[in-house]
């Protein structure tokens, strides 16, 4: 073999070896103040041709290039000093020190959230932990701290690395968050978070191709709520899993697929990926046939009971999403829909009480119904 041919072969082999190395996610890969990151949402009805989320292990290949954006948002991170006000400046110092903040929904404990505005989640990065310190919000013009009263919600123990050892490839944290507002009530959530770095390999999305480390996060929550002087109630929230593909220098997962355990089955409830600006084309318009045949019963329905949606038998696979009257997402689920009806279990509403808007989306279009849970 000629010398330059041998050198070229060795160079190519070295490059291949580098490309097949599992990335290590460090503090440099976490969000920082000044980040403005665009994220696209895709329908949770993933085609069967897409790689299964259960695919794990070393040197995998995941091709999600066929994802189509149906919505977008921008996740901005600010310095703590520029985002916290009033009581928040007092409570998120010292032992509860925060460094950055981002807009976020207040945890809807039991499907119920406090009547607040300008909600922010505060994070810190210290001692190899990237963790949530708590939330801040405004109630009637007053800044409200919503603190973790036991532990913190540790999002990542750094560095995050892949290992085949089942004993060492996970990290567990426990935390309790609580909020009390005079006249409004009391909310608390006890959370157990388990992270497992179960795979690594090449991921392709519409945003690009990345060498990634896949982390599966399991969130087991127990909620307690007492509103308007009523006795407190406690209940377990259906298990949530976040399948997150992390890449060097991206600061957020380049792809997150969220699932919830419903009736013993893991159902995809959300798909979001790092992206560029895209003009969203609304393919799903109002479907007259679906609108005519869509019936929710019983309506009103009692908290703790199931709800049945009657749909046209030929509508095919469908997605049901629910929001409250101020636009907070209660759930998003996928169903077969081929039998002419869909049963939405009581656990899907997670104890929500009030008026909700159910939007049913099929390949032909959408229809919406107003339902009351009392």
Protein backbone atom coordinates (compact mmCIF):
# COMPACT_ATOMS: atom_id res chain seq x y z
CA UNK A 1 0.00 0.00 0.00
CA UNK A 2 1.31 3.46 -0.87
CA UNK A 3 2.24 5.66 2.11
CA UNK A 4 -0.37 8.34 1.34
CA UNK A 5 -3.08 5.65 0.94
CA UNK A 6 -2.17 4.18 4.33
CA UNK A 7 -2.26 7.67 5.90
CA UNK A 8 -5.67 8.36 4.32
CA UNK A 9 -7.08 5.06 5.59
CA UNK A 10 -5.83 5.73 9.11
CA UNK A 11 -7.33 9.24 9.02
CA UNK A 12 -10.72 7.91 7.90
CA UNK A 13 -10.69 5.24 10.59
CA UNK A 14 -9.83 7.82 13.23
CA UNK A 15 -12.68 10.04 12.05
CA UNK A 16 -15.12 7.12 12.19
CA UNK A 17 -13.99 6.31 15.72
CA UNK A 18 -14.55 9.91 16.79
CA UNK A 19 -18.03 9.94 15.22
CA UNK A 20 -18.98 6.83 17.16
CA UNK A 21 -18.11 8.18 20.58
CA UNK A 22 -20.91 8.80 23.04
CA UNK A 23 -21.11 12.51 23.89
CA UNK A 24 -20.75 13.64 27.49
CA UNK A 25 -23.22 16.36 28.48
CA UNK A 26 -21.58 18.92 30.78
CA UNK A 27 -22.35 22.27 32.39
CA UNK A 28 -21.35 23.98 29.14
CA UNK A 29 -24.36 22.35 27.46
CA UNK A 30 -26.96 23.76 29.89
CA UNK A 31 -29.08 26.89 29.24
CA UNK A 32 -27.50 30.27 30.00
CA UNK A 33 -28.79 33.82 30.30
CA UNK A 34 -29.32 35.29 26.86
CA UNK A 35 -30.42 32.04 25.22
CA UNK A 36 -33.33 32.46 22.81
CA UNK A 37 -34.10 29.02 21.46
CA UNK A 38 -36.83 28.20 18.94
CA UNK A 39 -38.74 24.95 19.46
CA UNK A 40 -41.22 23.35 17.08
CA UNK A 41 -44.09 21.08 18.08
CA UNK A 42 -45.15 18.13 15.93
CA UNK A 43 -48.27 16.00 16.15
CA UNK A 44 -47.99 13.13 18.65
CA UNK A 45 -49.41 10.77 16.01
CA UNK A 46 -46.02 9.36 15.04
CA UNK A 47 -46.01 7.19 11.89
CA UNK A 48 -45.14 3.51 12.29
CA UNK A 49 -42.14 4.10 9.98
CA UNK A 50 -40.49 6.30 12.62
CA UNK A 51 -37.98 4.62 14.97
CA UNK A 52 -39.57 3.32 18.17
CA UNK A 53 -38.83 5.34 21.30
CA UNK A 54 -37.86 2.08 23.00
CA UNK A 55 -34.76 1.76 20.80
CA UNK A 56 -31.78 2.10 23.14
CA UNK A 57 -28.18 1.05 23.61
CA UNK A 58 -24.92 2.17 22.04
CA UNK A 59 -24.38 3.66 18.57
CA UNK A 60 -28.03 3.91 17.53
CA UNK A 61 -29.50 5.75 14.54
CA UNK A 62 -32.78 7.65 14.90
CA UNK A 63 -34.30 9.27 11.80
CA UNK A 64 -37.03 11.76 12.71
CA UNK A 65 -36.42 13.97 9.67
CA UNK A 66 -40.06 13.47 8.66
CA UNK A 67 -41.41 15.49 11.58
CA UNK A 68 -43.68 18.35 10.48
CA UNK A 69 -44.04 21.45 12.65
CA UNK A 70 -47.63 22.30 13.62
CA UNK A 71 -46.61 25.04 16.06
CA UNK A 72 -43.60 26.93 17.39
CA UNK A 73 -42.48 28.75 20.52
CA UNK A 74 -39.34 30.54 21.66
CA UNK A 75 -37.76 29.56 24.98
CA UNK A 76 -35.87 32.53 26.40
CA UNK A 77 -33.55 32.43 29.42
CA UNK A 78 -32.80 35.56 31.41
CA UNK A 79 -30.47 36.36 34.28
CA UNK A 80 -32.11 36.04 37.68
CA UNK A 81 -31.44 39.68 38.54
CA UNK A 82 -33.31 40.94 35.46
CA UNK A 83 -36.31 38.61 35.79
CA UNK A 84 -37.15 38.38 39.52
CA UNK A 85 -39.08 41.09 41.34
CA UNK A 86 -40.40 41.86 44.84
CA UNK A 87 -40.65 38.84 47.12
CA UNK A 88 -38.94 36.68 44.54
CA UNK A 89 -35.69 38.61 45.05
CA UNK A 90 -35.91 37.85 48.76
CA UNK A 91 -36.83 34.18 48.59
CA UNK A 92 -34.60 32.99 45.74
CA UNK A 93 -31.34 34.03 47.38
CA UNK A 94 -29.08 32.23 49.84
CA UNK A 95 -30.07 28.57 50.19
CA UNK A 96 -32.60 29.01 47.35
CA UNK A 97 -30.16 30.81 45.05
CA UNK A 98 -31.19 31.12 41.41
CA UNK A 99 -29.08 32.18 38.44
CA UNK A 100 -31.39 32.10 35.40
CA UNK A 101 -35.13 32.14 34.72
CA UNK A 102 -37.50 31.29 31.89
CA UNK A 103 -41.23 31.67 31.33
CA UNK A 104 -43.17 28.58 32.32
CA UNK A 105 -46.65 27.42 33.29
CA UNK A 106 -47.22 27.11 37.03
CA UNK A 107 -47.49 23.40 37.89
CA UNK A 108 -51.19 22.56 37.47
CA UNK A 109 -51.53 20.43 40.57
CA UNK A 110 -54.51 18.15 40.11
CA UNK A 111 -55.36 20.00 36.90
CA UNK A 112 -55.82 23.22 38.92
CA UNK A 113 -53.49 26.21 38.91
CA UNK A 114 -53.50 29.33 41.03
CA UNK A 115 -54.90 32.51 39.40
CA UNK A 116 -51.51 33.99 38.56
CA UNK A 117 -49.71 35.77 35.73
CA UNK A 118 -46.11 36.27 34.60
CA UNK A 119 -44.98 32.79 35.70
CA UNK A 120 -41.25 32.08 35.65
CA UNK A 121 -39.23 29.04 36.65
CA UNK A 122 -35.90 29.70 38.36
CA UNK A 123 -32.83 27.48 37.86
CA UNK A 124 -29.32 27.24 39.20
CA UNK A 125 -26.17 25.42 38.16
CA UNK A 126 -23.87 24.48 41.05
CA UNK A 127 -21.89 21.51 42.37
CA UNK A 128 -22.51 19.50 39.18
CA UNK A 129 -26.29 19.91 39.50
CA UNK A 130 -28.59 21.74 37.10
CA UNK A 131 -31.76 22.13 39.11
CA UNK A 132 -35.02 24.04 39.46
CA UNK A 133 -35.19 26.16 42.62
CA UNK A 134 -38.89 26.92 42.24
CA UNK A 135 -41.35 29.19 40.49
CA UNK A 136 -42.23 32.86 40.69
CA UNK A 137 -45.51 34.48 39.68
CA UNK A 138 -47.59 37.61 40.14
CA UNK A 139 -50.87 37.53 42.08
CA UNK A 140 -52.90 40.75 42.12
CA UNK A 141 -49.75 42.75 41.48
CA UNK A 142 -47.69 41.03 44.18
CA UNK A 143 -44.70 38.83 43.37
CA UNK A 144 -45.24 35.32 44.74
CA UNK A 145 -42.48 32.74 45.42
CA UNK A 146 -43.41 29.09 44.90
CA UNK A 147 -40.55 27.26 46.59
CA UNK A 148 -39.36 23.70 46.80
CA UNK A 149 -39.79 22.99 50.49
CA UNK A 150 -37.86 19.72 50.40
CA UNK A 151 -34.94 19.16 48.06
CA UNK A 152 -34.82 20.63 44.56
CA UNK A 153 -36.04 19.29 41.25
CA UNK A 154 -32.65 18.16 39.90
CA UNK A 155 -32.99 18.13 36.12
CA UNK A 156 -29.48 16.79 35.46
CA UNK A 157 -26.54 15.49 37.49
CA UNK A 158 -23.50 16.54 35.44
CA UNK A 159 -21.76 15.25 33.51
CA UNK A 160 -24.44 13.02 31.98
CA UNK A 161 -22.71 9.99 30.46
CA UNK A 162 -23.75 6.69 28.95
CA UNK A 163 -22.93 3.42 30.66
CA UNK A 164 -24.12 -0.14 30.14
CA UNK A 165 -24.14 -0.64 33.90
CA UNK A 166 -27.86 -0.59 34.90
CA UNK A 167 -26.89 0.36 38.45
CA UNK A 168 -24.93 3.47 37.48
CA UNK A 169 -26.83 4.82 34.47
CA UNK A 170 -29.54 6.64 36.43
CA UNK A 171 -29.99 9.48 38.89
CA UNK A 172 -32.95 9.88 41.27
CA UNK A 173 -34.13 13.03 43.03
CA UNK A 174 -37.13 13.80 45.25
CA UNK A 175 -38.67 17.21 45.78
CA UNK A 176 -41.79 18.90 47.13
CA UNK A 177 -43.11 22.18 45.75
CA UNK A 178 -45.82 24.16 47.54
CA UNK A 179 -47.79 27.37 47.14
CA UNK A 180 -50.33 29.03 49.41
CA UNK A 181 -52.31 32.16 48.56
CA UNK A 182 -54.72 33.72 51.07
CA UNK A 183 -58.29 33.17 49.91
CA UNK A 184 -57.20 31.10 46.89
CA UNK A 185 -56.02 27.88 48.49
CA UNK A 186 -53.02 25.63 48.76
CA UNK A 187 -51.26 23.44 46.20
CA UNK A 188 -48.38 21.02 46.62
CA UNK A 189 -46.64 18.44 44.49
CA UNK A 190 -44.32 15.68 45.65
CA UNK A 191 -42.14 14.66 42.73
CA UNK A 192 -39.77 11.78 42.11
CA UNK A 193 -37.55 12.25 39.05
CA UNK A 194 -35.46 9.40 37.66
CA UNK A 195 -33.01 10.03 34.80
CA UNK A 196 -31.52 7.19 32.79
CA UNK A 197 -28.96 7.74 30.04
CA UNK A 198 -30.06 4.66 28.12
CA UNK A 199 -28.72 5.25 24.60
CA UNK A 200 -26.46 7.28 22.33
CA UNK A 201 -26.05 7.68 18.62
CA UNK A 202 -26.97 9.75 15.57
CA UNK A 203 -30.25 11.67 15.55
CA UNK A 204 -31.70 13.43 12.49
CA UNK A 205 -34.54 15.93 12.74
CA UNK A 206 -35.68 18.71 10.35
CA UNK A 207 -33.19 20.94 12.23
CA UNK A 208 -30.15 18.78 11.41
CA UNK A 209 -28.11 15.71 12.33
CA UNK A 210 -26.45 15.41 15.74
CA UNK A 211 -24.42 13.03 17.85
CA UNK A 212 -26.69 12.66 20.86
CA UNK A 213 -27.01 11.16 24.29
CA UNK A 214 -30.55 9.96 24.98
CA UNK A 215 -31.87 10.50 28.52
CA UNK A 216 -35.19 9.03 29.65
CA UNK A 217 -36.77 10.97 32.51
CA UNK A 218 -39.57 9.36 34.55
CA UNK A 219 -41.71 11.76 36.59
CA UNK A 220 -43.89 10.29 39.35
CA UNK A 221 -45.98 13.00 41.02
CA UNK A 222 -48.36 13.01 43.97
CA UNK A 223 -50.57 16.09 44.15
CA UNK A 224 -52.43 17.69 47.01
CA UNK A 225 -54.87 20.54 46.55
CA UNK A 226 -57.18 22.58 48.80
CA UNK A 227 -59.11 25.46 47.23
CA UNK A 228 -61.57 27.96 48.64
CA UNK A 229 -61.57 26.47 52.14
CA UNK A 230 -62.53 23.00 50.92
CA UNK A 231 -60.79 19.96 52.50
CA UNK A 232 -57.52 18.99 50.89
CA UNK A 233 -57.30 16.06 48.46
CA UNK A 234 -54.31 13.97 47.50
CA UNK A 235 -53.85 11.69 44.49
CA UNK A 236 -51.20 10.22 42.21
CA UNK A 237 -50.71 11.71 38.74
CA UNK A 238 -50.25 9.27 35.81
CA UNK A 239 -46.57 8.51 35.21
CA UNK A 240 -44.93 10.85 32.69
CA UNK A 241 -41.80 10.01 30.69
CA UNK A 242 -39.65 12.42 28.70
CA UNK A 243 -37.39 10.88 26.04
CA UNK A 244 -34.75 13.59 25.52
CA UNK A 245 -31.95 13.60 22.96
CA UNK A 246 -29.12 15.87 24.19
CA UNK A 247 -26.31 17.21 21.98
CA UNK A 248 -23.20 19.26 22.67
CA UNK A 249 -23.67 23.02 22.62
CA UNK A 250 -27.44 23.00 22.07
CA UNK A 251 -28.51 24.04 25.63
CA UNK A 252 -31.90 22.31 25.24
CA UNK A 253 -32.81 18.81 24.01
CA UNK A 254 -32.75 18.68 20.22
CA UNK A 255 -35.76 16.35 20.45
CA UNK A 256 -38.17 15.57 23.30
CA UNK A 257 -40.93 12.97 23.06
CA UNK A 258 -43.26 12.98 26.07
CA UNK A 259 -45.50 10.08 27.04
CA UNK A 260 -48.05 9.41 29.78
CA UNK A 261 -49.16 6.09 31.18
CA UNK A 262 -52.88 5.68 30.40
CA UNK A 263 -54.71 2.49 31.34
CA UNK A 264 -51.38 0.69 31.61
CA UNK A 265 -50.19 1.80 28.16
CA UNK A 266 -47.56 4.39 27.30
CA UNK A 267 -49.15 6.99 25.00
CA UNK A 268 -47.23 9.76 23.22
CA UNK A 269 -48.62 13.10 24.39
CA UNK A 270 -46.12 15.57 22.95
CA UNK A 271 -43.28 15.95 20.42
CA UNK A 272 -40.99 19.00 20.42
CA UNK A 273 -37.64 19.64 18.72
CA UNK A 274 -35.03 22.39 18.33
CA UNK A 275 -35.68 24.24 15.09
CA UNK A 276 -35.36 27.35 12.95
CA UNK A 277 -38.22 29.70 12.12
CA UNK A 278 -40.77 28.02 9.92
CA UNK A 279 -44.01 29.29 8.45
CA UNK A 280 -46.62 27.02 9.97
CA UNK A 281 -49.13 25.79 7.42
CA UNK A 282 -52.42 24.95 9.07
CA UNK A 283 -53.44 21.83 7.19
CA UNK A 284 -56.18 20.88 9.62
CA UNK A 285 -59.26 23.01 8.94
CA UNK A 286 -62.71 22.63 10.37
CA UNK A 287 -64.30 19.34 9.25
CA UNK A 288 -68.07 19.60 8.81
CA UNK A 289 -68.66 15.84 9.09
CA UNK A 290 -66.60 15.55 12.27
CA UNK A 291 -68.27 18.63 13.72
CA UNK A 292 -71.74 17.21 13.01
CA UNK A 293 -70.97 13.82 14.55
CA UNK A 294 -68.89 14.89 17.56
CA UNK A 295 -70.75 14.45 20.86
CA UNK A 296 -69.27 14.53 24.38
CA UNK A 297 -71.22 12.66 27.05
CA UNK A 298 -72.07 12.98 29.79
CA UNK A 299 -71.75 16.74 29.73
CA UNK A 300 -71.52 18.07 32.40
CA UNK A 301 -69.55 15.18 33.85
CA UNK A 302 -68.32 14.56 37.37
CA UNK A 303 -64.69 14.81 38.39
CA UNK A 304 -63.45 11.24 38.77
CA UNK A 305 -65.64 9.87 35.96
CA UNK A 306 -64.84 8.96 32.36
CA UNK A 307 -66.00 10.94 29.33
CA UNK A 308 -67.08 9.43 26.01
CA UNK A 309 -66.61 11.17 22.66
CA UNK A 310 -68.77 9.95 19.79
CA UNK A 311 -67.01 10.47 16.46
CA UNK A 312 -67.69 9.39 12.86
CA UNK A 313 -66.70 5.73 12.47
CA UNK A 314 -64.59 6.48 9.37
CA UNK A 315 -62.60 9.37 10.81
CA UNK A 316 -59.45 7.27 11.34
CA UNK A 317 -56.70 8.02 13.90
CA UNK A 318 -57.33 11.17 15.89
CA UNK A 319 -55.78 13.42 18.52
CA UNK A 320 -57.77 14.91 21.40
CA UNK A 321 -56.35 17.95 23.15
CA UNK A 322 -57.91 19.87 26.03
CA UNK A 323 -57.32 23.39 27.34
CA UNK A 324 -58.90 25.41 30.10
CA UNK A 325 -60.54 28.77 29.45
CA UNK A 326 -57.24 30.66 29.73
CA UNK A 327 -55.43 28.38 27.29
CA UNK A 328 -53.48 26.12 29.65
CA UNK A 329 -53.05 22.67 28.13
CA UNK A 330 -54.67 19.97 30.27
CA UNK A 331 -53.76 16.96 28.12
CA UNK A 332 -53.12 15.78 24.57
CA UNK A 333 -53.78 12.15 23.62
CA UNK A 334 -53.83 9.99 20.49
CA UNK A 335 -56.56 7.41 19.77
CA UNK A 336 -57.47 4.94 17.02
CA UNK A 337 -60.99 6.37 16.64
CA UNK A 338 -62.10 3.64 14.22
CA UNK A 339 -64.91 2.26 16.43
CA UNK A 340 -67.00 5.44 16.41
CA UNK A 341 -66.26 6.42 20.01
CA UNK A 342 -63.35 7.36 22.24
CA UNK A 343 -63.26 6.85 25.99
CA UNK A 344 -61.33 9.50 27.90
CA UNK A 345 -60.54 8.05 31.32
CA UNK A 346 -60.97 10.04 34.50
CA UNK A 347 -57.21 9.91 35.11
CA UNK A 348 -56.62 11.81 31.85
CA UNK A 349 -58.19 14.96 33.33
CA UNK A 350 -56.01 14.58 36.48
CA UNK A 351 -58.76 15.91 38.72
CA UNK A 352 -59.46 19.05 36.66
CA UNK A 353 -62.63 20.89 37.64
CA UNK A 354 -64.22 23.60 35.47
CA UNK A 355 -64.80 24.38 31.80
CA UNK A 356 -62.54 22.77 29.20
CA UNK A 357 -62.33 22.96 25.42
CA UNK A 358 -61.80 19.59 23.71
CA UNK A 359 -60.35 19.80 20.19
CA UNK A 360 -60.44 16.65 18.05
CA UNK A 361 -58.00 16.58 15.13
CA UNK A 362 -58.05 14.06 12.27
CA UNK A 363 -56.45 13.94 8.84
CA UNK A 364 -59.55 15.67 7.43
CA UNK A 365 -59.78 18.53 9.92
CA UNK A 366 -60.76 19.54 13.44
CA UNK A 367 -63.79 20.13 15.63
CA UNK A 368 -64.13 21.53 19.17
CA UNK A 369 -66.54 20.93 22.02
CA UNK A 370 -67.01 22.73 25.33
CA UNK A 371 -67.26 20.36 28.31
CA UNK A 372 -67.82 20.95 32.00
CA UNK A 373 -66.23 18.91 34.80
CA UNK A 374 -67.94 19.43 38.15
